Amino acid sequence: MTAFQTSGVFSGFSVDDIEAARTFYGETLGLEVSTNPMGMLDIRLPQGGSILVYPKPNHTPASFTILNFPVADVEAAVDELNARGVVTKIYTDPDFGTDAKGIVHGGPDRGPDIAWFTDPAGNVLSVLSAG
């Protein structure tokens, strides 16, 4: 038996307001969220595994996408998220910009359709085409 184990692996990220994160991930996005004895959040992923969300007073939002949600229809998912009050990010980069809804439409050289949005702490998440 080795000392390094891969069972129970989990990911984590920080937020500046744990209650806002609980509401956003649990109520707005509909994920299973619980609080551990140390006051941190445990997000249970539907296919197994978990993410630890911990409060950090000097939190700086991640400069990369921390969580991706594969969906069958990115446009429909963006419409649903917008109806829940989630605002997608609009990027104006000439080579990789989004449309008015915040969607980059993929293709052979561009990857899947994808749209980005942020959690209340400014961390970036995405919905992207699963197929």
N, C-alpha and C. Protein backbone atom coordinates (compact mmCIF):
# COMPACT_ATOMS: atom_id res chain seq x y z
N MET A 1 0.85 -1.18 0.00
CA MET A 1 0.00 0.00 0.00
C MET A 1 0.89 1.24 0.00
N THR A 2 0.52 2.21 -0.80
CA THR A 2 1.32 3.44 -0.89
C THR A 2 0.73 4.52 0.00
N ALA A 3 1.54 5.50 0.36
CA ALA A 3 1.08 6.61 1.20
C ALA A 3 0.21 7.57 0.41
N PHE A 4 0.52 7.75 -0.87
CA PHE A 4 -0.27 8.64 -1.72
C PHE A 4 -1.51 7.91 -2.19
N GLN A 5 -2.69 8.46 -1.95
CA GLN A 5 -3.96 7.84 -2.33
C GLN A 5 -4.74 8.77 -3.24
N THR A 6 -5.47 8.20 -4.16
CA THR A 6 -6.30 9.01 -5.05
C THR A 6 -7.79 8.90 -4.73
N SER A 7 -8.16 8.03 -3.80
CA SER A 7 -9.57 7.95 -3.44
C SER A 7 -9.93 9.17 -2.60
N GLY A 8 -11.11 9.68 -2.80
CA GLY A 8 -11.56 10.84 -2.03
C GLY A 8 -11.03 12.17 -2.54
N VAL A 9 -10.48 12.18 -3.75
CA VAL A 9 -9.96 13.42 -4.33
C VAL A 9 -11.09 14.43 -4.47
N PHE A 10 -10.80 15.68 -4.19
CA PHE A 10 -11.79 16.74 -4.38
C PHE A 10 -11.07 18.01 -4.79
N SER A 11 -11.83 18.94 -5.31
CA SER A 11 -11.31 20.23 -5.71
C SER A 11 -11.85 21.29 -4.76
N GLY A 12 -11.31 22.49 -4.85
CA GLY A 12 -11.81 23.55 -4.00
C GLY A 12 -11.48 24.92 -4.57
N PHE A 13 -12.22 25.91 -4.11
CA PHE A 13 -11.95 27.29 -4.48
C PHE A 13 -12.48 28.20 -3.39
N SER A 14 -12.01 29.44 -3.40
CA SER A 14 -12.41 30.39 -2.36
C SER A 14 -13.49 31.34 -2.85
N VAL A 15 -14.20 31.91 -1.86
CA VAL A 15 -15.19 32.96 -2.09
C VAL A 15 -15.05 33.98 -0.97
N ASP A 16 -15.61 35.14 -1.19
CA ASP A 16 -15.53 36.17 -0.16
C ASP A 16 -16.78 36.22 0.72
N ASP A 17 -17.84 35.51 0.32
CA ASP A 17 -19.10 35.51 1.08
C ASP A 17 -19.70 34.12 1.00
N ILE A 18 -19.55 33.34 2.05
CA ILE A 18 -19.97 31.94 2.05
C ILE A 18 -21.49 31.81 1.92
N GLU A 19 -22.26 32.73 2.51
CA GLU A 19 -23.72 32.65 2.40
C GLU A 19 -24.19 32.96 0.98
N ALA A 20 -23.57 33.94 0.34
CA ALA A 20 -23.91 34.24 -1.06
C ALA A 20 -23.58 33.05 -1.95
N ALA A 21 -22.45 32.38 -1.66
CA ALA A 21 -22.07 31.19 -2.42
C ALA A 21 -23.07 30.07 -2.21
N ARG A 22 -23.51 29.86 -0.95
CA ARG A 22 -24.50 28.81 -0.66
C ARG A 22 -25.78 29.06 -1.47
N THR A 23 -26.25 30.28 -1.48
CA THR A 23 -27.46 30.62 -2.23
C THR A 23 -27.26 30.41 -3.72
N PHE A 24 -26.16 30.90 -4.25
CA PHE A 24 -25.91 30.81 -5.69
C PHE A 24 -25.78 29.36 -6.15
N TYR A 25 -24.92 28.60 -5.51
CA TYR A 25 -24.69 27.22 -5.95
C TYR A 25 -25.86 26.30 -5.62
N GLY A 26 -26.49 26.51 -4.48
CA GLY A 26 -27.60 25.65 -4.07
C GLY A 26 -28.93 26.03 -4.69
N GLU A 27 -29.31 27.30 -4.56
CA GLU A 27 -30.64 27.73 -5.03
C GLU A 27 -30.63 28.14 -6.50
N THR A 28 -29.68 28.98 -6.90
CA THR A 28 -29.68 29.47 -8.28
C THR A 28 -29.30 28.37 -9.27
N LEU A 29 -28.20 27.65 -8.98
CA LEU A 29 -27.75 26.61 -9.90
C LEU A 29 -28.35 25.24 -9.61
N GLY A 30 -28.88 25.03 -8.41
CA GLY A 30 -29.54 23.76 -8.10
C GLY A 30 -28.63 22.61 -7.73
N LEU A 31 -27.42 22.92 -7.29
CA LEU A 31 -26.50 21.86 -6.85
C LEU A 31 -26.77 21.50 -5.39
N GLU A 32 -26.38 20.31 -4.98
CA GLU A 32 -26.52 19.88 -3.59
C GLU A 32 -25.39 20.49 -2.77
N VAL A 33 -25.74 21.37 -1.84
CA VAL A 33 -24.75 22.09 -1.04
C VAL A 33 -25.01 21.83 0.44
N SER A 34 -23.95 21.50 1.17
CA SER A 34 -24.07 21.34 2.62
C SER A 34 -22.92 22.10 3.28
N THR A 35 -23.06 22.31 4.58
CA THR A 35 -22.02 23.00 5.34
C THR A 35 -21.29 21.99 6.20
N ASN A 36 -19.97 22.03 6.16
CA ASN A 36 -19.21 21.10 7.00
C ASN A 36 -19.00 21.71 8.39
N PRO A 37 -18.48 20.97 9.34
CA PRO A 37 -18.33 21.48 10.70
C PRO A 37 -17.44 22.73 10.83
N MET A 38 -16.62 22.99 9.83
CA MET A 38 -15.75 24.16 9.87
C MET A 38 -16.37 25.39 9.21
N GLY A 39 -17.65 25.27 8.79
CA GLY A 39 -18.34 26.40 8.16
C GLY A 39 -18.06 26.56 6.68
N MET A 40 -17.42 25.58 6.08
CA MET A 40 -17.16 25.60 4.64
C MET A 40 -18.26 24.86 3.92
N LEU A 41 -18.41 25.12 2.63
CA LEU A 41 -19.44 24.45 1.84
C LEU A 41 -18.87 23.22 1.16
N ASP A 42 -19.70 22.21 1.05
CA ASP A 42 -19.38 21.01 0.30
C ASP A 42 -20.41 20.92 -0.81
N ILE A 43 -19.97 21.06 -2.06
CA ILE A 43 -20.86 20.90 -3.21
C ILE A 43 -20.69 19.48 -3.72
N ARG A 44 -21.77 18.72 -3.69
CA ARG A 44 -21.75 17.34 -4.18
C ARG A 44 -22.07 17.37 -5.67
N LEU A 45 -21.23 16.76 -6.46
CA LEU A 45 -21.44 16.72 -7.90
C LEU A 45 -22.35 15.54 -8.26
N PRO A 46 -23.26 15.71 -9.20
CA PRO A 46 -24.22 14.66 -9.52
C PRO A 46 -23.60 13.32 -9.91
N GLN A 47 -22.44 13.32 -10.56
CA GLN A 47 -21.82 12.07 -10.97
C GLN A 47 -20.83 11.55 -9.93
N GLY A 48 -20.78 12.19 -8.77
CA GLY A 48 -19.86 11.78 -7.73
C GLY A 48 -18.77 12.83 -7.55
N GLY A 49 -18.12 12.79 -6.44
CA GLY A 49 -17.08 13.77 -6.15
C GLY A 49 -17.67 15.02 -5.51
N SER A 50 -16.78 15.88 -5.09
CA SER A 50 -17.24 17.09 -4.42
C SER A 50 -16.26 18.23 -4.62
N ILE A 51 -16.74 19.42 -4.29
CA ILE A 51 -15.93 20.63 -4.34
C ILE A 51 -16.06 21.30 -2.99
N LEU A 52 -14.94 21.68 -2.42
CA LEU A 52 -14.91 22.42 -1.16
C LEU A 52 -14.88 23.91 -1.49
N VAL A 53 -15.81 24.66 -0.92
CA VAL A 53 -15.85 26.11 -1.09
C VAL A 53 -15.56 26.73 0.27
N TYR A 54 -14.50 27.50 0.33
CA TYR A 54 -14.06 28.03 1.62
C TYR A 54 -14.01 29.55 1.58
N PRO A 55 -14.35 30.17 2.73
CA PRO A 55 -14.31 31.63 2.80
C PRO A 55 -12.86 32.12 2.90
N LYS A 56 -12.59 33.21 2.22
CA LYS A 56 -11.26 33.80 2.26
C LYS A 56 -11.44 35.33 2.25
N PRO A 57 -11.11 35.99 3.35
CA PRO A 57 -11.34 37.44 3.45
C PRO A 57 -10.68 38.25 2.34
N ASN A 58 -9.49 37.86 1.91
CA ASN A 58 -8.80 38.59 0.85
C ASN A 58 -8.92 37.86 -0.49
N HIS A 59 -10.07 37.25 -0.71
CA HIS A 59 -10.34 36.47 -1.92
C HIS A 59 -10.09 37.31 -3.18
N THR A 60 -9.44 36.69 -4.14
CA THR A 60 -9.30 37.24 -5.48
C THR A 60 -9.93 36.23 -6.42
N PRO A 61 -10.86 36.66 -7.28
CA PRO A 61 -11.51 35.70 -8.18
C PRO A 61 -10.48 34.96 -9.04
N ALA A 62 -10.77 33.70 -9.30
CA ALA A 62 -9.90 32.90 -10.16
C ALA A 62 -9.85 33.52 -11.55
N SER A 63 -8.70 33.49 -12.16
CA SER A 63 -8.53 34.06 -13.50
C SER A 63 -8.76 33.02 -14.59
N PHE A 64 -9.39 31.93 -14.24
CA PHE A 64 -9.66 30.82 -15.16
C PHE A 64 -11.03 30.25 -14.81
N THR A 65 -11.57 29.41 -15.67
CA THR A 65 -12.87 28.79 -15.44
C THR A 65 -12.71 27.71 -14.38
N ILE A 66 -13.44 27.85 -13.27
CA ILE A 66 -13.31 26.90 -12.17
C ILE A 66 -14.28 25.74 -12.24
N LEU A 67 -15.38 25.91 -12.99
CA LEU A 67 -16.40 24.87 -13.04
C LEU A 67 -17.11 24.96 -14.38
N ASN A 68 -17.26 23.82 -15.04
CA ASN A 68 -17.91 23.75 -16.35
C ASN A 68 -19.15 22.87 -16.26
N PHE A 69 -20.21 23.32 -16.88
CA PHE A 69 -21.47 22.58 -16.91
C PHE A 69 -21.76 22.16 -18.35
N PRO A 70 -21.51 20.88 -18.72
CA PRO A 70 -21.84 20.42 -20.06
C PRO A 70 -23.36 20.36 -20.22
N VAL A 71 -23.85 20.89 -21.33
CA VAL A 71 -25.29 20.92 -21.61
C VAL A 71 -25.54 20.52 -23.06
N ALA A 72 -26.75 20.08 -23.33
CA ALA A 72 -27.11 19.68 -24.69
C ALA A 72 -27.31 20.90 -25.59
N ASP A 73 -27.80 22.01 -25.02
CA ASP A 73 -28.12 23.20 -25.82
C ASP A 73 -27.66 24.44 -25.05
N VAL A 74 -26.54 25.01 -25.46
CA VAL A 74 -25.97 26.15 -24.75
C VAL A 74 -26.92 27.35 -24.77
N GLU A 75 -27.54 27.60 -25.91
CA GLU A 75 -28.45 28.75 -26.01
C GLU A 75 -29.62 28.61 -25.04
N ALA A 76 -30.22 27.43 -24.96
CA ALA A 76 -31.33 27.21 -24.02
C ALA A 76 -30.84 27.32 -22.58
N ALA A 77 -29.64 26.81 -22.29
CA ALA A 77 -29.09 26.91 -20.94
C ALA A 77 -28.83 28.36 -20.56
N VAL A 78 -28.31 29.16 -21.48
CA VAL A 78 -28.09 30.58 -21.22
C VAL A 78 -29.42 31.28 -20.96
N ASP A 79 -30.44 30.98 -21.75
CA ASP A 79 -31.76 31.58 -21.52
C ASP A 79 -32.28 31.24 -20.13
N GLU A 80 -32.12 29.99 -19.72
CA GLU A 80 -32.58 29.57 -18.40
C GLU A 80 -31.78 30.24 -17.29
N LEU A 81 -30.46 30.31 -17.45
CA LEU A 81 -29.63 30.99 -16.45
C LEU A 81 -30.00 32.47 -16.35
N ASN A 82 -30.19 33.12 -17.49
CA ASN A 82 -30.60 34.53 -17.49
C ASN A 82 -31.92 34.70 -16.76
N ALA A 83 -32.86 33.78 -16.95
CA ALA A 83 -34.15 33.85 -16.26
C ALA A 83 -33.99 33.69 -14.75
N ARG A 84 -32.92 33.02 -14.32
CA ARG A 84 -32.63 32.85 -12.89
C ARG A 84 -31.82 34.02 -12.33
N GLY A 85 -31.53 35.01 -13.18
CA GLY A 85 -30.78 36.17 -12.73
C GLY A 85 -29.29 36.10 -12.96
N VAL A 86 -28.82 35.04 -13.61
CA VAL A 86 -27.40 34.89 -13.90
C VAL A 86 -27.09 35.63 -15.20
N VAL A 87 -26.08 36.48 -15.17
CA VAL A 87 -25.70 37.27 -16.34
C VAL A 87 -24.47 36.64 -16.98
N THR A 88 -24.57 36.35 -18.26
CA THR A 88 -23.41 35.80 -18.97
C THR A 88 -22.45 36.93 -19.33
N LYS A 89 -21.19 36.56 -19.45
CA LYS A 89 -20.15 37.54 -19.76
C LYS A 89 -20.10 37.77 -21.27
N ILE A 90 -19.94 39.01 -21.66
CA ILE A 90 -19.80 39.38 -23.06
C ILE A 90 -18.32 39.69 -23.30
N TYR A 91 -17.72 38.98 -24.23
CA TYR A 91 -16.33 39.22 -24.59
C TYR A 91 -16.30 39.80 -26.01
N THR A 92 -15.48 40.80 -26.22
CA THR A 92 -15.43 41.47 -27.52
C THR A 92 -14.16 41.16 -28.30
N ASP A 93 -13.40 40.18 -27.87
CA ASP A 93 -12.19 39.80 -28.59
C ASP A 93 -12.54 39.49 -30.04
N PRO A 94 -11.84 40.09 -31.01
CA PRO A 94 -12.20 39.87 -32.42
C PRO A 94 -12.06 38.42 -32.88
N ASP A 95 -11.18 37.65 -32.24
CA ASP A 95 -10.98 36.26 -32.66
C ASP A 95 -11.80 35.27 -31.85
N PHE A 96 -12.25 35.68 -30.66
CA PHE A 96 -12.93 34.73 -29.79
C PHE A 96 -14.04 35.43 -29.01
N GLY A 97 -14.71 36.37 -29.63
CA GLY A 97 -15.76 37.12 -28.97
C GLY A 97 -17.07 36.35 -28.92
N THR A 98 -17.95 36.84 -28.07
CA THR A 98 -19.27 36.22 -27.89
C THR A 98 -20.31 36.97 -28.70
N ASP A 99 -21.47 36.34 -28.84
CA ASP A 99 -22.60 37.04 -29.43
C ASP A 99 -23.28 37.86 -28.33
N ALA A 100 -24.43 38.45 -28.63
CA ALA A 100 -25.12 39.33 -27.68
C ALA A 100 -25.58 38.60 -26.42
N LYS A 101 -25.74 37.27 -26.50
CA LYS A 101 -26.15 36.48 -25.32
C LYS A 101 -24.95 36.03 -24.50
N GLY A 102 -23.74 36.25 -25.01
CA GLY A 102 -22.55 35.80 -24.31
C GLY A 102 -22.08 34.42 -24.72
N ILE A 103 -22.47 33.98 -25.90
CA ILE A 103 -22.12 32.65 -26.37
C ILE A 103 -21.05 32.73 -27.46
N VAL A 104 -20.00 31.94 -27.32
CA VAL A 104 -19.04 31.73 -28.40
C VAL A 104 -19.54 30.50 -29.15
N HIS A 105 -19.80 30.67 -30.43
CA HIS A 105 -20.27 29.54 -31.23
C HIS A 105 -19.05 28.81 -31.79
N GLY A 106 -18.97 27.55 -31.45
CA GLY A 106 -17.81 26.74 -31.80
C GLY A 106 -17.81 26.31 -33.25
N GLY A 107 -16.88 25.48 -33.52
CA GLY A 107 -16.71 24.95 -34.87
C GLY A 107 -15.48 24.08 -34.89
N PRO A 108 -15.11 23.58 -36.06
CA PRO A 108 -13.97 22.66 -36.16
C PRO A 108 -12.67 23.21 -35.55
N ASP A 109 -12.41 24.48 -35.72
CA ASP A 109 -11.17 25.05 -35.20
C ASP A 109 -11.40 25.89 -33.95
N ARG A 110 -12.62 25.90 -33.41
CA ARG A 110 -12.94 26.79 -32.29
C ARG A 110 -13.40 26.06 -31.04
N GLY A 111 -13.63 24.78 -31.11
CA GLY A 111 -14.11 24.05 -29.94
C GLY A 111 -15.62 24.12 -29.82
N PRO A 112 -16.17 23.75 -28.66
CA PRO A 112 -17.63 23.69 -28.49
C PRO A 112 -18.24 25.08 -28.29
N ASP A 113 -19.55 25.16 -28.46
CA ASP A 113 -20.28 26.36 -28.06
C ASP A 113 -20.07 26.51 -26.55
N ILE A 114 -19.86 27.74 -26.10
CA ILE A 114 -19.58 27.97 -24.68
C ILE A 114 -20.02 29.37 -24.28
N ALA A 115 -20.46 29.50 -23.04
CA ALA A 115 -20.80 30.81 -22.47
C ALA A 115 -20.29 30.83 -21.04
N TRP A 116 -19.78 31.97 -20.62
CA TRP A 116 -19.22 32.11 -19.28
C TRP A 116 -20.09 33.02 -18.42
N PHE A 117 -20.06 32.78 -17.12
CA PHE A 117 -20.74 33.62 -16.15
C PHE A 117 -19.95 33.55 -14.86
N THR A 118 -20.27 34.41 -13.90
CA THR A 118 -19.52 34.41 -12.65
C THR A 118 -20.41 34.12 -11.46
N ASP A 119 -19.79 33.60 -10.40
CA ASP A 119 -20.49 33.43 -9.13
C ASP A 119 -20.43 34.77 -8.38
N PRO A 120 -21.09 34.89 -7.23
CA PRO A 120 -21.08 36.16 -6.51
C PRO A 120 -19.68 36.64 -6.11
N ALA A 121 -18.70 35.73 -6.04
CA ALA A 121 -17.34 36.11 -5.67
C ALA A 121 -16.49 36.48 -6.89
N GLY A 122 -17.07 36.40 -8.09
CA GLY A 122 -16.34 36.75 -9.31
C GLY A 122 -15.61 35.59 -9.97
N ASN A 123 -15.72 34.37 -9.42
CA ASN A 123 -15.11 33.20 -10.05
C ASN A 123 -15.86 32.88 -11.33
N VAL A 124 -15.14 32.45 -12.35
CA VAL A 124 -15.74 32.20 -13.67
C VAL A 124 -16.18 30.75 -13.81
N LEU A 125 -17.40 30.57 -14.32
CA LEU A 125 -17.98 29.26 -14.60
C LEU A 125 -18.43 29.27 -16.06
N SER A 126 -18.75 28.09 -16.61
CA SER A 126 -19.23 28.06 -17.98
C SER A 126 -20.30 27.00 -18.18
N VAL A 127 -21.08 27.22 -19.23
CA VAL A 127 -21.91 26.17 -19.80
C VAL A 127 -21.32 25.93 -21.19
N LEU A 128 -21.16 24.67 -21.55
CA LEU A 128 -20.58 24.37 -22.85
C LEU A 128 -21.27 23.16 -23.45
N SER A 129 -21.23 23.10 -24.76
CA SER A 129 -21.88 22.03 -25.48
C SER A 129 -21.29 20.68 -25.09
N ALA A 130 -22.16 19.76 -24.71
CA ALA A 130 -21.73 18.43 -24.29
C ALA A 130 -21.44 17.52 -25.47
N GLY A 131 -21.93 17.89 -26.64
CA GLY A 131 -21.78 16.99 -27.79
C GLY A 131 -20.83 17.47 -28.73
